[in-house]
Amino acid sequence: MIAYIEGRLLKKDEDRILLLANQVGYEIMVPIFVRETLNVKQIGDEVALYIYYHQTERQPKPVLIGFNLEAEKEFFQHFITVDAIGPIKAVKAMTISVREIADAIESNNLEQLKRLKGIGLRTAQKIIATLQGKMGKFTMIRKTDKLNEKEPEDFVQPVMEVLVNQLGHKPADAKHMIELALKRNGGINSPEELFEEVYRGEKRSV
């Protein structure tokens, strides 16, 4: 069973990432609050995640769900003990941090729980009935800094994806090509301009 993965980031989607570890690409689902912490990561950067591994007879295709902290994974394992909340529903529901969800459970805050994706009043009541009194540990998870909605240098990611996934460059090489392009031209502010500068740099090196 896979419990922890370290590797290079190959791709970022809204609710999952592709991570290369030991020449194997792992597709890993991530809750929104985890995905937001990856905003600062560029393609080719190192990422480490604690993994919840889900596979059953009804769900024979393995599903990997990633978390930044072991305590977040532990909370998730508690969360899916609630009736009618399976792993897939749980990962989609966790749109705010574990600390905030745990605090809402302990403080009987139904309105906060109802803001979770796919969680109505009845399910929120079940969550509190099942988990209240067990969440104190998770309310003490450290707060993370608020992240900007827009990723820094967000024009870099699509160029990385083209260089790696479409043109076959290694992530480290593609990252180096982009760094050189940005060093040559600090005024780049779009994927098209960046790709053109990368192309010009490669042409000069031939």
N, C-alpha and C. Protein backbone atom coordinates (compact mmCIF):
# COMPACT_ATOMS: atom_id res chain seq x y z
N MET A 1 0.84 -1.20 0.00
CA MET A 1 0.00 0.00 0.00
C MET A 1 0.87 1.25 0.00
N ILE A 2 0.48 2.24 -0.76
CA ILE A 2 1.24 3.50 -0.84
C ILE A 2 0.75 4.44 0.26
N ALA A 3 1.68 4.92 1.10
CA ALA A 3 1.31 5.80 2.20
C ALA A 3 1.98 7.17 2.11
N TYR A 4 3.02 7.29 1.29
CA TYR A 4 3.78 8.55 1.20
C TYR A 4 4.52 8.56 -0.12
N ILE A 5 4.54 9.70 -0.79
CA ILE A 5 5.23 9.82 -2.08
C ILE A 5 6.02 11.12 -2.12
N GLU A 6 7.25 11.04 -2.60
CA GLU A 6 8.04 12.22 -2.96
C GLU A 6 8.39 12.11 -4.43
N GLY A 7 8.26 13.19 -5.16
CA GLY A 7 8.59 13.15 -6.58
C GLY A 7 8.52 14.51 -7.23
N ARG A 8 8.68 14.51 -8.56
CA ARG A 8 8.65 15.75 -9.33
C ARG A 8 7.24 15.99 -9.88
N LEU A 9 6.82 17.23 -9.79
CA LEU A 9 5.50 17.61 -10.29
C LEU A 9 5.51 17.65 -11.81
N LEU A 10 4.62 16.87 -12.44
CA LEU A 10 4.52 16.85 -13.89
C LEU A 10 3.33 17.64 -14.41
N LYS A 11 2.26 17.69 -13.63
CA LYS A 11 1.04 18.34 -14.11
C LYS A 11 0.16 18.73 -12.93
N LYS A 12 -0.54 19.86 -13.05
CA LYS A 12 -1.48 20.30 -12.04
C LYS A 12 -2.85 20.53 -12.69
N ASP A 13 -3.86 19.86 -12.17
CA ASP A 13 -5.24 20.13 -12.56
C ASP A 13 -5.97 20.69 -11.35
N GLU A 14 -7.25 20.97 -11.53
CA GLU A 14 -8.01 21.61 -10.45
C GLU A 14 -8.10 20.74 -9.21
N ASP A 15 -8.29 19.43 -9.37
CA ASP A 15 -8.50 18.56 -8.22
C ASP A 15 -7.51 17.41 -8.13
N ARG A 16 -6.46 17.44 -8.95
CA ARG A 16 -5.47 16.35 -8.91
C ARG A 16 -4.15 16.82 -9.52
N ILE A 17 -3.11 16.06 -9.22
CA ILE A 17 -1.80 16.35 -9.78
C ILE A 17 -1.21 15.06 -10.34
N LEU A 18 -0.19 15.19 -11.17
CA LEU A 18 0.58 14.05 -11.66
C LEU A 18 1.99 14.19 -11.12
N LEU A 19 2.43 13.16 -10.40
CA LEU A 19 3.72 13.21 -9.72
C LEU A 19 4.60 12.07 -10.23
N LEU A 20 5.85 12.40 -10.61
CA LEU A 20 6.80 11.40 -11.10
C LEU A 20 7.70 10.97 -9.95
N ALA A 21 7.61 9.68 -9.61
CA ALA A 21 8.45 9.12 -8.54
C ALA A 21 9.02 7.79 -9.01
N ASN A 22 10.34 7.70 -9.04
CA ASN A 22 11.02 6.47 -9.49
C ASN A 22 10.54 6.03 -10.87
N GLN A 23 10.47 6.98 -11.79
CA GLN A 23 10.10 6.74 -13.19
C GLN A 23 8.66 6.26 -13.37
N VAL A 24 7.83 6.41 -12.33
CA VAL A 24 6.41 6.08 -12.42
C VAL A 24 5.60 7.34 -12.16
N GLY A 25 4.60 7.62 -13.02
CA GLY A 25 3.75 8.79 -12.83
C GLY A 25 2.51 8.42 -12.03
N TYR A 26 2.31 9.06 -10.89
CA TYR A 26 1.17 8.79 -10.03
C TYR A 26 0.15 9.92 -10.14
N GLU A 27 -1.09 9.58 -10.48
CA GLU A 27 -2.17 10.56 -10.45
C GLU A 27 -2.74 10.60 -9.04
N ILE A 28 -2.72 11.77 -8.44
CA ILE A 28 -3.11 11.90 -7.04
C ILE A 28 -4.20 12.96 -6.91
N MET A 29 -5.36 12.56 -6.39
CA MET A 29 -6.42 13.52 -6.09
C MET A 29 -6.01 14.34 -4.86
N VAL A 30 -6.35 15.62 -4.85
CA VAL A 30 -6.05 16.46 -3.69
C VAL A 30 -7.25 17.34 -3.37
N PRO A 31 -7.57 17.50 -2.08
CA PRO A 31 -8.62 18.46 -1.71
C PRO A 31 -8.21 19.87 -2.12
N ILE A 32 -9.17 20.75 -2.23
CA ILE A 32 -8.90 22.12 -2.67
C ILE A 32 -7.88 22.79 -1.76
N PHE A 33 -7.97 22.57 -0.45
CA PHE A 33 -7.04 23.27 0.45
C PHE A 33 -5.60 22.80 0.25
N VAL A 34 -5.42 21.55 -0.17
CA VAL A 34 -4.08 21.05 -0.50
C VAL A 34 -3.63 21.61 -1.85
N ARG A 35 -4.53 21.60 -2.81
CA ARG A 35 -4.20 22.13 -4.15
C ARG A 35 -3.74 23.58 -4.07
N GLU A 36 -4.35 24.37 -3.19
CA GLU A 36 -3.97 25.78 -3.06
C GLU A 36 -2.54 25.93 -2.56
N THR A 37 -2.09 25.00 -1.71
CA THR A 37 -0.70 25.10 -1.22
C THR A 37 0.31 24.77 -2.30
N LEU A 38 -0.16 24.15 -3.39
CA LEU A 38 0.74 23.81 -4.50
C LEU A 38 0.81 24.91 -5.55
N ASN A 39 0.08 26.02 -5.32
CA ASN A 39 0.10 27.12 -6.28
C ASN A 39 1.51 27.65 -6.53
N VAL A 40 2.33 27.63 -5.49
CA VAL A 40 3.69 28.17 -5.61
C VAL A 40 4.65 27.20 -6.30
N LYS A 41 4.21 25.97 -6.50
CA LYS A 41 5.06 24.97 -7.13
C LYS A 41 4.98 25.07 -8.65
N GLN A 42 6.12 24.95 -9.30
CA GLN A 42 6.18 24.94 -10.76
C GLN A 42 6.39 23.49 -11.23
N ILE A 43 6.07 23.24 -12.50
CA ILE A 43 6.31 21.93 -13.07
C ILE A 43 7.80 21.59 -12.96
N GLY A 44 8.09 20.40 -12.45
CA GLY A 44 9.47 19.98 -12.23
C GLY A 44 9.93 20.13 -10.79
N ASP A 45 9.16 20.89 -9.97
CA ASP A 45 9.51 21.05 -8.56
C ASP A 45 9.24 19.76 -7.79
N GLU A 46 9.95 19.60 -6.67
CA GLU A 46 9.74 18.45 -5.80
C GLU A 46 8.50 18.67 -4.94
N VAL A 47 7.72 17.61 -4.78
CA VAL A 47 6.51 17.64 -3.96
C VAL A 47 6.49 16.36 -3.11
N ALA A 48 6.08 16.48 -1.85
CA ALA A 48 5.95 15.33 -0.96
C ALA A 48 4.55 15.33 -0.37
N LEU A 49 3.88 14.18 -0.42
CA LEU A 49 2.51 14.07 0.08
C LEU A 49 2.31 12.78 0.86
N TYR A 50 1.51 12.87 1.92
CA TYR A 50 1.02 11.69 2.60
C TYR A 50 -0.19 11.18 1.81
N ILE A 51 -0.28 9.88 1.61
CA ILE A 51 -1.26 9.30 0.70
C ILE A 51 -2.28 8.43 1.42
N TYR A 52 -3.55 8.67 1.12
CA TYR A 52 -4.60 7.73 1.49
C TYR A 52 -4.89 6.90 0.25
N TYR A 53 -4.75 5.59 0.38
CA TYR A 53 -4.89 4.66 -0.75
C TYR A 53 -6.26 3.99 -0.67
N HIS A 54 -7.06 4.16 -1.72
CA HIS A 54 -8.43 3.63 -1.70
C HIS A 54 -8.64 2.65 -2.85
N GLN A 55 -9.01 1.41 -2.50
CA GLN A 55 -9.33 0.40 -3.49
C GLN A 55 -10.25 -0.63 -2.84
N THR A 56 -11.38 -0.88 -3.48
CA THR A 56 -12.33 -1.87 -2.97
C THR A 56 -12.84 -2.72 -4.13
N GLU A 57 -13.65 -3.70 -3.81
CA GLU A 57 -14.26 -4.51 -4.88
C GLU A 57 -15.15 -3.66 -5.76
N ARG A 58 -15.85 -2.72 -5.15
CA ARG A 58 -16.73 -1.83 -5.93
C ARG A 58 -15.93 -0.74 -6.63
N GLN A 59 -14.73 -0.48 -6.12
CA GLN A 59 -13.85 0.54 -6.71
C GLN A 59 -12.50 -0.12 -6.96
N PRO A 60 -12.42 -1.00 -8.00
CA PRO A 60 -11.19 -1.77 -8.21
C PRO A 60 -10.01 -0.92 -8.69
N LYS A 61 -10.29 0.20 -9.34
CA LYS A 61 -9.20 1.08 -9.78
C LYS A 61 -8.68 1.86 -8.58
N PRO A 62 -7.40 1.72 -8.23
CA PRO A 62 -6.86 2.43 -7.06
C PRO A 62 -7.00 3.95 -7.21
N VAL A 63 -7.34 4.59 -6.11
CA VAL A 63 -7.41 6.05 -6.04
C VAL A 63 -6.44 6.51 -4.96
N LEU A 64 -5.56 7.44 -5.31
CA LEU A 64 -4.61 8.02 -4.35
C LEU A 64 -5.08 9.43 -4.00
N ILE A 65 -5.14 9.73 -2.71
CA ILE A 65 -5.56 11.05 -2.24
C ILE A 65 -4.43 11.61 -1.39
N GLY A 66 -3.98 12.84 -1.72
CA GLY A 66 -2.78 13.38 -1.10
C GLY A 66 -3.04 14.49 -0.10
N PHE A 67 -2.16 14.54 0.93
CA PHE A 67 -2.25 15.55 1.98
C PHE A 67 -0.84 16.03 2.33
N ASN A 68 -0.76 17.28 2.78
CA ASN A 68 0.55 17.84 3.15
C ASN A 68 1.05 17.31 4.49
N LEU A 69 0.12 17.04 5.41
CA LEU A 69 0.49 16.61 6.76
C LEU A 69 -0.11 15.26 7.08
N GLU A 70 0.58 14.48 7.89
CA GLU A 70 0.05 13.19 8.31
C GLU A 70 -1.24 13.37 9.10
N ALA A 71 -1.33 14.46 9.87
CA ALA A 71 -2.54 14.72 10.66
C ALA A 71 -3.75 14.98 9.76
N GLU A 72 -3.52 15.60 8.59
CA GLU A 72 -4.62 15.83 7.64
C GLU A 72 -5.15 14.51 7.10
N LYS A 73 -4.24 13.59 6.82
CA LYS A 73 -4.64 12.26 6.36
C LYS A 73 -5.41 11.53 7.47
N GLU A 74 -4.95 11.65 8.70
CA GLU A 74 -5.63 11.01 9.83
C GLU A 74 -7.04 11.56 9.99
N PHE A 75 -7.19 12.89 9.85
CA PHE A 75 -8.52 13.50 9.92
C PHE A 75 -9.42 12.92 8.83
N PHE A 76 -8.88 12.80 7.63
CA PHE A 76 -9.64 12.27 6.50
C PHE A 76 -10.17 10.87 6.82
N GLN A 77 -9.34 10.07 7.46
CA GLN A 77 -9.75 8.71 7.81
C GLN A 77 -10.90 8.72 8.82
N HIS A 78 -10.93 9.70 9.71
CA HIS A 78 -12.06 9.89 10.61
C HIS A 78 -13.29 10.35 9.82
N PHE A 79 -13.07 11.29 8.94
CA PHE A 79 -14.16 11.94 8.20
C PHE A 79 -14.96 10.92 7.39
N ILE A 80 -14.28 9.94 6.80
CA ILE A 80 -14.98 8.97 5.95
C ILE A 80 -15.67 7.86 6.75
N THR A 81 -15.57 7.92 8.09
CA THR A 81 -16.36 6.99 8.90
C THR A 81 -17.80 7.47 9.05
N VAL A 82 -18.06 8.71 8.68
CA VAL A 82 -19.42 9.25 8.75
C VAL A 82 -20.28 8.58 7.68
N ASP A 83 -21.48 8.18 8.08
CA ASP A 83 -22.39 7.50 7.16
C ASP A 83 -22.62 8.34 5.91
N ALA A 84 -22.52 7.70 4.74
CA ALA A 84 -22.78 8.32 3.42
C ALA A 84 -21.66 9.24 2.95
N ILE A 85 -20.51 9.26 3.64
CA ILE A 85 -19.35 10.02 3.15
C ILE A 85 -18.23 9.04 2.81
N GLY A 86 -18.08 8.75 1.52
CA GLY A 86 -16.98 7.90 1.07
C GLY A 86 -15.77 8.75 0.73
N PRO A 87 -14.65 8.13 0.40
CA PRO A 87 -13.42 8.87 0.11
C PRO A 87 -13.55 9.90 -1.02
N ILE A 88 -14.24 9.56 -2.10
CA ILE A 88 -14.34 10.50 -3.22
C ILE A 88 -15.19 11.70 -2.83
N LYS A 89 -16.32 11.45 -2.17
CA LYS A 89 -17.16 12.56 -1.71
C LYS A 89 -16.41 13.42 -0.70
N ALA A 90 -15.65 12.76 0.18
CA ALA A 90 -14.92 13.49 1.22
C ALA A 90 -13.87 14.42 0.63
N VAL A 91 -13.09 13.92 -0.34
CA VAL A 91 -12.01 14.74 -0.90
C VAL A 91 -12.59 15.96 -1.63
N LYS A 92 -13.76 15.79 -2.25
CA LYS A 92 -14.40 16.91 -2.93
C LYS A 92 -15.04 17.89 -1.94
N ALA A 93 -15.48 17.36 -0.80
CA ALA A 93 -16.14 18.20 0.20
C ALA A 93 -15.17 19.12 0.93
N MET A 94 -13.92 18.69 1.05
CA MET A 94 -12.96 19.43 1.90
C MET A 94 -12.42 20.66 1.18
N THR A 95 -13.26 21.67 1.10
CA THR A 95 -12.91 22.91 0.40
C THR A 95 -12.24 23.93 1.32
N ILE A 96 -12.22 23.65 2.61
CA ILE A 96 -11.50 24.50 3.57
C ILE A 96 -10.55 23.61 4.36
N SER A 97 -9.70 24.20 5.15
CA SER A 97 -8.65 23.44 5.83
C SER A 97 -9.23 22.48 6.86
N VAL A 98 -8.45 21.45 7.17
CA VAL A 98 -8.83 20.50 8.21
C VAL A 98 -9.06 21.22 9.53
N ARG A 99 -8.21 22.17 9.84
CA ARG A 99 -8.35 22.93 11.08
C ARG A 99 -9.73 23.58 11.18
N GLU A 100 -10.19 24.18 10.08
CA GLU A 100 -11.49 24.86 10.07
C GLU A 100 -12.64 23.87 10.16
N ILE A 101 -12.53 22.73 9.47
CA ILE A 101 -13.60 21.73 9.53
C ILE A 101 -13.68 21.15 10.94
N ALA A 102 -12.54 20.82 11.51
CA ALA A 102 -12.51 20.25 12.86
C ALA A 102 -13.10 21.23 13.87
N ASP A 103 -12.76 22.50 13.73
CA ASP A 103 -13.29 23.52 14.65
C ASP A 103 -14.81 23.63 14.52
N ALA A 104 -15.31 23.55 13.27
CA ALA A 104 -16.76 23.61 13.05
C ALA A 104 -17.46 22.42 13.70
N ILE A 105 -16.85 21.26 13.65
CA ILE A 105 -17.43 20.06 14.27
C ILE A 105 -17.47 20.22 15.79
N GLU A 106 -16.37 20.65 16.37
CA GLU A 106 -16.30 20.77 17.83
C GLU A 106 -17.18 21.90 18.37
N SER A 107 -17.40 22.94 17.56
CA SER A 107 -18.23 24.07 18.00
C SER A 107 -19.68 23.95 17.55
N ASN A 108 -20.03 22.79 16.98
CA ASN A 108 -21.41 22.54 16.54
C ASN A 108 -21.88 23.56 15.49
N ASN A 109 -20.98 23.95 14.62
CA ASN A 109 -21.26 24.99 13.63
C ASN A 109 -21.80 24.35 12.35
N LEU A 110 -23.10 24.13 12.31
CA LEU A 110 -23.73 23.50 11.16
C LEU A 110 -23.59 24.34 9.89
N GLU A 111 -23.68 25.66 10.04
CA GLU A 111 -23.62 26.54 8.87
C GLU A 111 -22.26 26.43 8.17
N GLN A 112 -21.19 26.34 8.95
CA GLN A 112 -19.86 26.19 8.36
C GLN A 112 -19.74 24.86 7.61
N LEU A 113 -20.26 23.80 8.22
CA LEU A 113 -20.19 22.48 7.58
C LEU A 113 -21.04 22.43 6.31
N LYS A 114 -22.15 23.13 6.30
CA LYS A 114 -23.03 23.15 5.13
C LYS A 114 -22.37 23.86 3.94
N ARG A 115 -21.31 24.62 4.21
CA ARG A 115 -20.58 25.30 3.12
C ARG A 115 -19.64 24.35 2.38
N LEU A 116 -19.40 23.18 2.97
CA LEU A 116 -18.56 22.20 2.29
C LEU A 116 -19.30 21.67 1.08
N LYS A 117 -18.58 21.42 0.01
CA LYS A 117 -19.20 20.98 -1.24
C LYS A 117 -19.92 19.65 -1.07
N GLY A 118 -21.22 19.62 -1.43
CA GLY A 118 -21.99 18.39 -1.38
C GLY A 118 -22.51 18.02 0.00
N ILE A 119 -22.34 18.89 1.00
CA ILE A 119 -22.78 18.60 2.36
C ILE A 119 -24.01 19.44 2.70
N GLY A 120 -25.13 18.76 2.90
CA GLY A 120 -26.37 19.42 3.29
C GLY A 120 -26.57 19.36 4.80
N LEU A 121 -27.73 19.84 5.25
CA LEU A 121 -28.00 19.90 6.68
C LEU A 121 -27.96 18.52 7.34
N ARG A 122 -28.60 17.55 6.71
CA ARG A 122 -28.66 16.22 7.32
C ARG A 122 -27.27 15.60 7.46
N THR A 123 -26.46 15.73 6.42
CA THR A 123 -25.11 15.18 6.48
C THR A 123 -24.25 15.93 7.49
N ALA A 124 -24.42 17.26 7.55
CA ALA A 124 -23.69 18.06 8.55
C ALA A 124 -24.02 17.59 9.96
N GLN A 125 -25.29 17.28 10.20
CA GLN A 125 -25.70 16.78 11.52
C GLN A 125 -25.06 15.42 11.81
N LYS A 126 -24.98 14.57 10.78
CA LYS A 126 -24.33 13.26 10.94
C LYS A 126 -22.85 13.41 11.27
N ILE A 127 -22.20 14.38 10.60
CA ILE A 127 -20.77 14.62 10.85
C ILE A 127 -20.54 14.98 12.31
N ILE A 128 -21.36 15.89 12.83
CA ILE A 128 -21.21 16.32 14.22
C ILE A 128 -21.52 15.17 15.17
N ALA A 129 -22.60 14.43 14.89
CA ALA A 129 -23.00 13.32 15.77
C ALA A 129 -21.90 12.24 15.82
N THR A 130 -21.22 12.03 14.70
CA THR A 130 -20.21 10.97 14.63
C THR A 130 -18.85 11.41 15.19
N LEU A 131 -18.47 12.65 14.94
CA LEU A 131 -17.09 13.07 15.19
C LEU A 131 -16.89 14.05 16.34
N GLN A 132 -17.94 14.68 16.81
CA GLN A 132 -17.76 15.69 17.86
C GLN A 132 -17.14 15.04 19.10
N GLY A 133 -16.18 15.74 19.68
CA GLY A 133 -15.46 15.23 20.84
C GLY A 133 -14.17 14.51 20.48
N LYS A 134 -13.95 14.28 19.17
CA LYS A 134 -12.75 13.57 18.71
C LYS A 134 -11.81 14.46 17.88
N MET A 135 -12.19 15.74 17.73
CA MET A 135 -11.50 16.59 16.76
C MET A 135 -10.55 17.61 17.37
N GLY A 136 -10.41 17.59 18.70
CA GLY A 136 -9.58 18.60 19.35
C GLY A 136 -8.16 18.66 18.81
N LYS A 137 -7.57 17.51 18.56
CA LYS A 137 -6.19 17.44 18.03
C LYS A 137 -6.07 18.20 16.72
N PHE A 138 -7.10 18.07 15.87
CA PHE A 138 -7.01 18.63 14.52
C PHE A 138 -7.29 20.13 14.48
N THR A 139 -7.92 20.66 15.54
CA THR A 139 -8.13 22.11 15.60
C THR A 139 -6.83 22.84 15.89
N MET A 140 -5.78 22.08 16.25
CA MET A 140 -4.50 22.70 16.59
C MET A 140 -3.49 22.63 15.44
N ILE A 141 -3.91 22.11 14.27
CA ILE A 141 -3.03 22.15 13.10
C ILE A 141 -2.70 23.60 12.80
N ARG A 142 -1.44 23.89 12.54
CA ARG A 142 -1.03 25.29 12.35
C ARG A 142 -1.75 25.92 11.16
N LYS A 143 -2.03 27.19 11.32
CA LYS A 143 -2.65 27.92 10.22
C LYS A 143 -1.63 28.14 9.12
N THR A 144 -2.08 28.06 7.88
CA THR A 144 -1.19 28.35 6.75
C THR A 144 -1.45 29.76 6.27
N ASP A 145 -0.43 30.37 5.67
CA ASP A 145 -0.59 31.71 5.14
C ASP A 145 -1.62 31.70 4.02
N LYS A 146 -2.40 32.77 3.94
CA LYS A 146 -3.36 32.90 2.85
C LYS A 146 -2.60 33.04 1.54
N LEU A 147 -3.02 32.28 0.55
CA LEU A 147 -2.35 32.31 -0.75
C LEU A 147 -3.14 33.15 -1.73
N ASN A 148 -2.43 33.82 -2.60
CA ASN A 148 -3.11 34.59 -3.64
C ASN A 148 -3.88 33.66 -4.55
N GLU A 149 -5.01 34.14 -5.04
CA GLU A 149 -5.81 33.33 -5.96
C GLU A 149 -5.02 33.04 -7.24
N LYS A 150 -4.26 34.02 -7.67
CA LYS A 150 -3.49 33.86 -8.90
C LYS A 150 -2.09 33.36 -8.58
N GLU A 151 -1.65 32.38 -9.27
CA GLU A 151 -0.32 31.85 -9.04
C GLU A 151 0.74 32.83 -9.51
N PRO A 152 1.85 32.93 -8.77
CA PRO A 152 2.92 33.80 -9.25
C PRO A 152 3.48 33.25 -10.56
N GLU A 153 3.70 34.16 -11.50
CA GLU A 153 4.22 33.77 -12.81
C GLU A 153 3.40 32.63 -13.42
N ASP A 154 2.06 32.81 -13.39
CA ASP A 154 1.21 31.71 -13.84
C ASP A 154 1.33 31.44 -15.33
N PHE A 155 2.03 32.32 -16.07
CA PHE A 155 2.25 32.06 -17.49
C PHE A 155 3.35 31.01 -17.71
N VAL A 156 4.06 30.65 -16.66
CA VAL A 156 5.15 29.67 -16.78
C VAL A 156 4.60 28.25 -16.95
N GLN A 157 3.55 27.92 -16.19
CA GLN A 157 3.06 26.54 -16.15
C GLN A 157 2.67 25.99 -17.53
N PRO A 158 1.86 26.71 -18.33
CA PRO A 158 1.51 26.13 -19.63
C PRO A 158 2.71 25.89 -20.54
N VAL A 159 3.73 26.73 -20.44
CA VAL A 159 4.93 26.54 -21.26
C VAL A 159 5.69 25.30 -20.78
N MET A 160 5.77 25.12 -19.45
CA MET A 160 6.39 23.91 -18.91
C MET A 160 5.68 22.67 -19.42
N GLU A 161 4.36 22.70 -19.42
CA GLU A 161 3.58 21.53 -19.83
C GLU A 161 3.81 21.21 -21.31
N VAL A 162 3.90 22.24 -22.14
CA VAL A 162 4.17 22.02 -23.56
C VAL A 162 5.56 21.41 -23.75
N LEU A 163 6.56 21.99 -23.09
CA LEU A 163 7.94 21.52 -23.24
C LEU A 163 8.09 20.08 -22.77
N VAL A 164 7.44 19.74 -21.65
CA VAL A 164 7.60 18.40 -21.06
C VAL A 164 6.67 17.38 -21.70
N ASN A 165 5.38 17.70 -21.74
CA ASN A 165 4.39 16.70 -22.16
C ASN A 165 4.25 16.57 -23.67
N GLN A 166 4.47 17.67 -24.40
CA GLN A 166 4.28 17.63 -25.85
C GLN A 166 5.60 17.53 -26.62
N LEU A 167 6.63 18.19 -26.11
CA LEU A 167 7.89 18.24 -26.85
C LEU A 167 8.96 17.31 -26.29
N GLY A 168 8.67 16.65 -25.17
CA GLY A 168 9.53 15.58 -24.69
C GLY A 168 10.75 15.98 -23.88
N HIS A 169 10.85 17.26 -23.46
CA HIS A 169 11.99 17.67 -22.65
C HIS A 169 11.84 17.15 -21.22
N LYS A 170 12.96 16.87 -20.56
CA LYS A 170 12.93 16.51 -19.15
C LYS A 170 12.51 17.73 -18.33
N PRO A 171 11.74 17.53 -17.25
CA PRO A 171 11.29 18.68 -16.44
C PRO A 171 12.43 19.60 -16.01
N ALA A 172 13.57 19.03 -15.61
CA ALA A 172 14.70 19.86 -15.16
C ALA A 172 15.25 20.70 -16.32
N ASP A 173 15.33 20.09 -17.52
CA ASP A 173 15.83 20.83 -18.68
C ASP A 173 14.86 21.94 -19.08
N ALA A 174 13.56 21.61 -19.06
CA ALA A 174 12.55 22.60 -19.43
C ALA A 174 12.57 23.78 -18.45
N LYS A 175 12.72 23.45 -17.18
CA LYS A 175 12.78 24.51 -16.16
C LYS A 175 13.99 25.41 -16.38
N HIS A 176 15.12 24.81 -16.75
CA HIS A 176 16.34 25.58 -17.01
C HIS A 176 16.15 26.48 -18.24
N MET A 177 15.52 25.96 -19.28
CA MET A 177 15.27 26.75 -20.49
C MET A 177 14.40 27.97 -20.17
N ILE A 178 13.40 27.75 -19.34
CA ILE A 178 12.50 28.86 -18.97
C ILE A 178 13.22 29.88 -18.10
N GLU A 179 14.04 29.40 -17.17
CA GLU A 179 14.79 30.32 -16.30
C GLU A 179 15.71 31.21 -17.13
N LEU A 180 16.39 30.61 -18.12
CA LEU A 180 17.27 31.39 -18.98
C LEU A 180 16.48 32.41 -19.79
N ALA A 181 15.31 32.01 -20.29
CA ALA A 181 14.47 32.92 -21.08
C ALA A 181 14.02 34.11 -20.24
N LEU A 182 13.63 33.85 -19.00
CA LEU A 182 13.18 34.93 -18.11
C LEU A 182 14.33 35.84 -17.71
N LYS A 183 15.53 35.25 -17.62
CA LYS A 183 16.71 36.06 -17.30
C LYS A 183 17.06 36.99 -18.46
N ARG A 184 16.91 36.47 -19.69
CA ARG A 184 17.20 37.30 -20.87
C ARG A 184 16.18 38.41 -21.06
N ASN A 185 14.93 38.11 -20.72
CA ASN A 185 13.86 39.08 -20.95
C ASN A 185 12.94 39.12 -19.74
N GLY A 186 13.17 40.09 -18.88
CA GLY A 186 12.37 40.20 -17.65
C GLY A 186 11.00 40.79 -17.86
N GLY A 187 10.71 41.23 -19.08
CA GLY A 187 9.40 41.85 -19.33
C GLY A 187 8.35 40.88 -19.84
N ILE A 188 8.65 39.60 -19.86
CA ILE A 188 7.69 38.60 -20.35
C ILE A 188 6.50 38.52 -19.40
N ASN A 189 5.29 38.52 -19.96
CA ASN A 189 4.11 38.39 -19.10
C ASN A 189 3.00 37.56 -19.72
N SER A 190 3.34 36.68 -20.65
CA SER A 190 2.34 35.79 -21.22
C SER A 190 3.02 34.49 -21.67
N PRO A 191 2.27 33.39 -21.77
CA PRO A 191 2.86 32.13 -22.23
C PRO A 191 3.45 32.24 -23.63
N GLU A 192 2.76 33.00 -24.50
CA GLU A 192 3.22 33.14 -25.88
C GLU A 192 4.58 33.83 -25.93
N GLU A 193 4.74 34.92 -25.16
CA GLU A 193 6.01 35.64 -25.14
C GLU A 193 7.12 34.77 -24.56
N LEU A 194 6.79 34.00 -23.52
CA LEU A 194 7.80 33.15 -22.90
C LEU A 194 8.24 32.04 -23.86
N PHE A 195 7.28 31.41 -24.53
CA PHE A 195 7.62 30.34 -25.45
C PHE A 195 8.49 30.86 -26.59
N GLU A 196 8.18 32.07 -27.07
CA GLU A 196 8.95 32.68 -28.15
C GLU A 196 10.38 32.94 -27.71
N GLU A 197 10.55 33.39 -26.45
CA GLU A 197 11.89 33.65 -25.93
C GLU A 197 12.66 32.36 -25.72
N VAL A 198 11.99 31.30 -25.27
CA VAL A 198 12.63 29.99 -25.15
C VAL A 198 13.11 29.52 -26.52
N TYR A 199 12.25 29.68 -27.52
CA TYR A 199 12.58 29.27 -28.89
C TYR A 199 13.80 30.05 -29.40
N ARG A 200 13.82 31.36 -29.15
CA ARG A 200 14.97 32.18 -29.60
C ARG A 200 16.25 31.73 -28.92
N GLY A 201 16.17 31.40 -27.64
CA GLY A 201 17.35 30.95 -26.91
C GLY A 201 17.89 29.64 -27.44
N GLU A 202 16.98 28.71 -27.79
CA GLU A 202 17.39 27.43 -28.31
C GLU A 202 18.02 27.59 -29.70
N LYS A 203 17.50 28.54 -30.46
CA LYS A 203 18.00 28.77 -31.79
C LYS A 203 19.44 29.30 -31.73
N ARG A 204 19.69 30.16 -30.74
CA ARG A 204 21.04 30.72 -30.60
C ARG A 204 22.04 29.64 -30.19
N SER A 205 21.56 28.65 -29.40
CA SER A 205 22.49 27.63 -28.88
C SER A 205 22.82 26.55 -29.91
N VAL A 206 22.06 26.53 -31.02
CA VAL A 206 22.33 25.52 -32.05
C VAL A 206 23.60 25.84 -32.82
